[in-house]
N, C-alpha and C. Protein backbone atom coordinates (compact mmCIF):
# COMPACT_ATOMS: atom_id res chain seq x y z
N UNK A 1 19.50 8.14 -5.60
CA UNK A 1 20.31 7.09 -5.05
C UNK A 1 19.61 5.75 -5.30
N UNK A 2 20.34 4.83 -5.76
CA UNK A 2 19.79 3.49 -5.99
C UNK A 2 20.02 2.63 -4.76
N UNK A 3 18.97 1.92 -4.35
CA UNK A 3 19.04 1.06 -3.18
C UNK A 3 18.23 -0.20 -3.45
N UNK A 4 18.75 -1.30 -2.99
CA UNK A 4 18.03 -2.56 -3.12
C UNK A 4 17.34 -2.84 -1.79
N UNK A 5 16.03 -3.09 -1.86
CA UNK A 5 15.24 -3.33 -0.66
C UNK A 5 14.52 -4.66 -0.77
N UNK A 6 14.36 -5.31 0.36
CA UNK A 6 13.57 -6.53 0.43
C UNK A 6 12.30 -6.20 1.18
N UNK A 7 11.24 -5.88 0.44
CA UNK A 7 9.98 -5.44 1.04
C UNK A 7 8.90 -6.50 0.86
N UNK A 8 7.99 -6.61 1.82
CA UNK A 8 6.87 -7.53 1.63
C UNK A 8 6.00 -7.07 0.46
N UNK A 9 5.85 -7.91 -0.52
CA UNK A 9 5.12 -7.57 -1.75
C UNK A 9 3.68 -7.16 -1.45
N UNK A 10 3.02 -7.89 -0.52
CA UNK A 10 1.63 -7.59 -0.20
C UNK A 10 1.51 -6.18 0.39
N UNK A 11 2.44 -5.81 1.24
CA UNK A 11 2.42 -4.50 1.87
C UNK A 11 2.61 -3.39 0.84
N UNK A 12 3.54 -3.60 -0.05
CA UNK A 12 3.81 -2.62 -1.09
C UNK A 12 2.61 -2.48 -2.04
N UNK A 13 2.01 -3.59 -2.43
CA UNK A 13 0.85 -3.55 -3.32
C UNK A 13 -0.35 -2.88 -2.65
N UNK A 14 -0.53 -3.14 -1.36
CA UNK A 14 -1.64 -2.50 -0.65
C UNK A 14 -1.42 -0.99 -0.55
N UNK A 15 -0.19 -0.58 -0.26
CA UNK A 15 0.12 0.85 -0.19
C UNK A 15 -0.11 1.52 -1.55
N UNK A 16 0.25 0.84 -2.61
CA UNK A 16 0.04 1.38 -3.95
C UNK A 16 -1.46 1.48 -4.25
N UNK A 17 -2.20 0.51 -3.80
CA UNK A 17 -3.64 0.48 -4.06
C UNK A 17 -4.37 1.60 -3.32
N UNK A 18 -4.10 1.74 -2.02
CA UNK A 18 -4.82 2.74 -1.24
C UNK A 18 -4.40 4.17 -1.58
N UNK A 19 -3.18 4.35 -2.08
CA UNK A 19 -2.71 5.69 -2.42
C UNK A 19 -2.95 6.03 -3.89
N UNK A 20 -3.36 5.04 -4.67
CA UNK A 20 -3.56 5.20 -6.11
C UNK A 20 -2.28 5.64 -6.82
N UNK A 21 -1.15 5.17 -6.31
CA UNK A 21 0.15 5.45 -6.92
C UNK A 21 0.56 4.20 -7.68
N UNK A 22 1.04 4.40 -8.88
CA UNK A 22 1.28 3.25 -9.76
C UNK A 22 2.73 2.76 -9.78
N UNK A 23 3.64 3.49 -9.14
CA UNK A 23 5.03 3.02 -9.14
C UNK A 23 5.51 2.77 -7.72
N UNK A 24 6.37 1.79 -7.58
CA UNK A 24 6.92 1.45 -6.27
C UNK A 24 7.76 2.59 -5.72
N UNK A 25 8.53 3.22 -6.56
CA UNK A 25 9.39 4.33 -6.13
C UNK A 25 8.57 5.46 -5.54
N UNK A 26 7.51 5.84 -6.23
CA UNK A 26 6.68 6.95 -5.75
C UNK A 26 5.98 6.62 -4.45
N UNK A 27 5.52 5.40 -4.29
CA UNK A 27 4.81 5.04 -3.05
C UNK A 27 5.80 4.99 -1.88
N UNK A 28 7.02 4.58 -2.11
CA UNK A 28 8.03 4.56 -1.05
C UNK A 28 8.42 5.99 -0.69
N UNK A 29 8.56 6.86 -1.69
CA UNK A 29 8.86 8.28 -1.41
C UNK A 29 7.76 8.90 -0.56
N UNK A 30 6.51 8.64 -0.92
CA UNK A 30 5.38 9.18 -0.17
C UNK A 30 5.41 8.67 1.27
N UNK A 31 5.68 7.39 1.44
CA UNK A 31 5.72 6.81 2.79
C UNK A 31 6.80 7.48 3.64
N UNK A 32 7.96 7.72 3.06
CA UNK A 32 9.04 8.38 3.80
C UNK A 32 8.68 9.82 4.13
N UNK A 33 8.07 10.52 3.19
CA UNK A 33 7.66 11.91 3.43
C UNK A 33 6.63 11.98 4.55
N UNK A 34 5.68 11.06 4.56
CA UNK A 34 4.65 11.03 5.59
C UNK A 34 5.25 10.69 6.96
N UNK A 35 6.21 9.80 6.99
CA UNK A 35 6.87 9.45 8.24
C UNK A 35 7.56 10.68 8.83
N UNK A 36 8.25 11.42 8.00
CA UNK A 36 8.94 12.64 8.44
C UNK A 36 7.93 13.69 8.90
N UNK A 37 6.86 13.88 8.13
CA UNK A 37 5.84 14.86 8.47
C UNK A 37 5.20 14.55 9.82
N UNK A 38 4.85 13.29 10.04
CA UNK A 38 4.22 12.90 11.30
C UNK A 38 5.17 13.07 12.48
N UNK A 39 6.44 12.80 12.26
CA UNK A 39 7.43 12.98 13.31
C UNK A 39 7.56 14.45 13.69
N UNK A 40 7.57 15.34 12.70
CA UNK A 40 7.66 16.77 12.97
C UNK A 40 6.42 17.27 13.70
N UNK A 41 5.24 16.79 13.31
CA UNK A 41 4.00 17.17 14.00
C UNK A 41 4.02 16.71 15.45
N UNK A 42 4.53 15.53 15.67
CA UNK A 42 4.62 15.01 17.02
C UNK A 42 5.54 15.88 17.87
N UNK A 43 6.65 16.33 17.28
CA UNK A 43 7.57 17.21 18.00
C UNK A 43 6.89 18.54 18.33
N UNK A 44 6.08 19.08 17.42
CA UNK A 44 5.39 20.34 17.67
C UNK A 44 4.36 20.22 18.78
N UNK A 45 3.72 19.06 18.89
CA UNK A 45 2.69 18.85 19.91
C UNK A 45 3.25 18.95 21.33
N UNK A 46 4.56 18.76 21.49
CA UNK A 46 5.19 18.87 22.80
C UNK A 46 5.09 20.29 23.35
N UNK A 47 4.92 21.28 22.47
CA UNK A 47 4.87 22.67 22.89
C UNK A 47 3.45 23.14 23.20
N UNK A 48 2.45 22.27 23.01
CA UNK A 48 1.06 22.67 23.23
C UNK A 48 0.88 23.17 24.66
N UNK A 49 0.35 24.40 24.77
CA UNK A 49 0.09 25.00 26.07
C UNK A 49 1.31 25.59 26.75
N UNK A 50 2.46 25.54 26.12
CA UNK A 50 3.69 26.04 26.74
C UNK A 50 4.18 27.35 26.15
N UNK A 51 3.56 27.80 25.07
CA UNK A 51 3.99 29.03 24.42
C UNK A 51 2.84 30.03 24.50
N UNK A 52 3.12 31.20 25.06
CA UNK A 52 2.12 32.25 25.14
C UNK A 52 2.35 33.21 23.98
N UNK A 53 1.45 33.19 23.02
CA UNK A 53 1.59 34.03 21.84
C UNK A 53 0.98 35.41 22.04
N UNK A 54 0.24 35.61 23.13
CA UNK A 54 -0.39 36.89 23.43
C UNK A 54 -1.17 37.42 22.22
N UNK A 55 -2.08 36.59 21.73
CA UNK A 55 -2.87 36.92 20.54
C UNK A 55 -4.29 37.28 20.98
N UNK A 56 -4.79 38.38 20.47
CA UNK A 56 -6.18 38.78 20.71
C UNK A 56 -6.97 38.44 19.45
N UNK A 57 -7.74 37.36 19.52
CA UNK A 57 -8.48 36.89 18.34
C UNK A 57 -9.49 37.90 17.85
N UNK A 58 -10.06 38.71 18.74
CA UNK A 58 -11.01 39.74 18.30
C UNK A 58 -10.33 40.75 17.38
N UNK A 59 -9.12 41.14 17.70
CA UNK A 59 -8.39 42.07 16.85
C UNK A 59 -8.03 41.42 15.52
N UNK A 60 -7.57 40.19 15.58
CA UNK A 60 -7.18 39.47 14.35
C UNK A 60 -8.38 39.30 13.43
N UNK A 61 -9.53 39.01 14.01
CA UNK A 61 -10.75 38.80 13.22
C UNK A 61 -11.48 40.10 12.93
N UNK A 62 -10.87 41.20 13.29
CA UNK A 62 -11.39 42.55 13.02
C UNK A 62 -12.73 42.79 13.71
N UNK A 63 -12.82 42.33 14.94
CA UNK A 63 -14.02 42.55 15.76
C UNK A 63 -13.66 43.59 16.82
N UNK A 64 -14.27 44.71 16.76
CA UNK A 64 -13.94 45.78 17.72
C UNK A 64 -14.79 45.73 18.95
């Protein structure tokens, strides 16, 4: 999909520099993927301590 964006040039150049990505399209794709990934991780953290998996680590690690 083609989209016209008005982005701060300095921000885009810095993102390209720190990620070592040479095209604007690729750096924007990476930024969107990371935003989605972080959002999903944040959603998963809400379940911390609320799910009982009933896992015996000694059995999993083959410790009798």
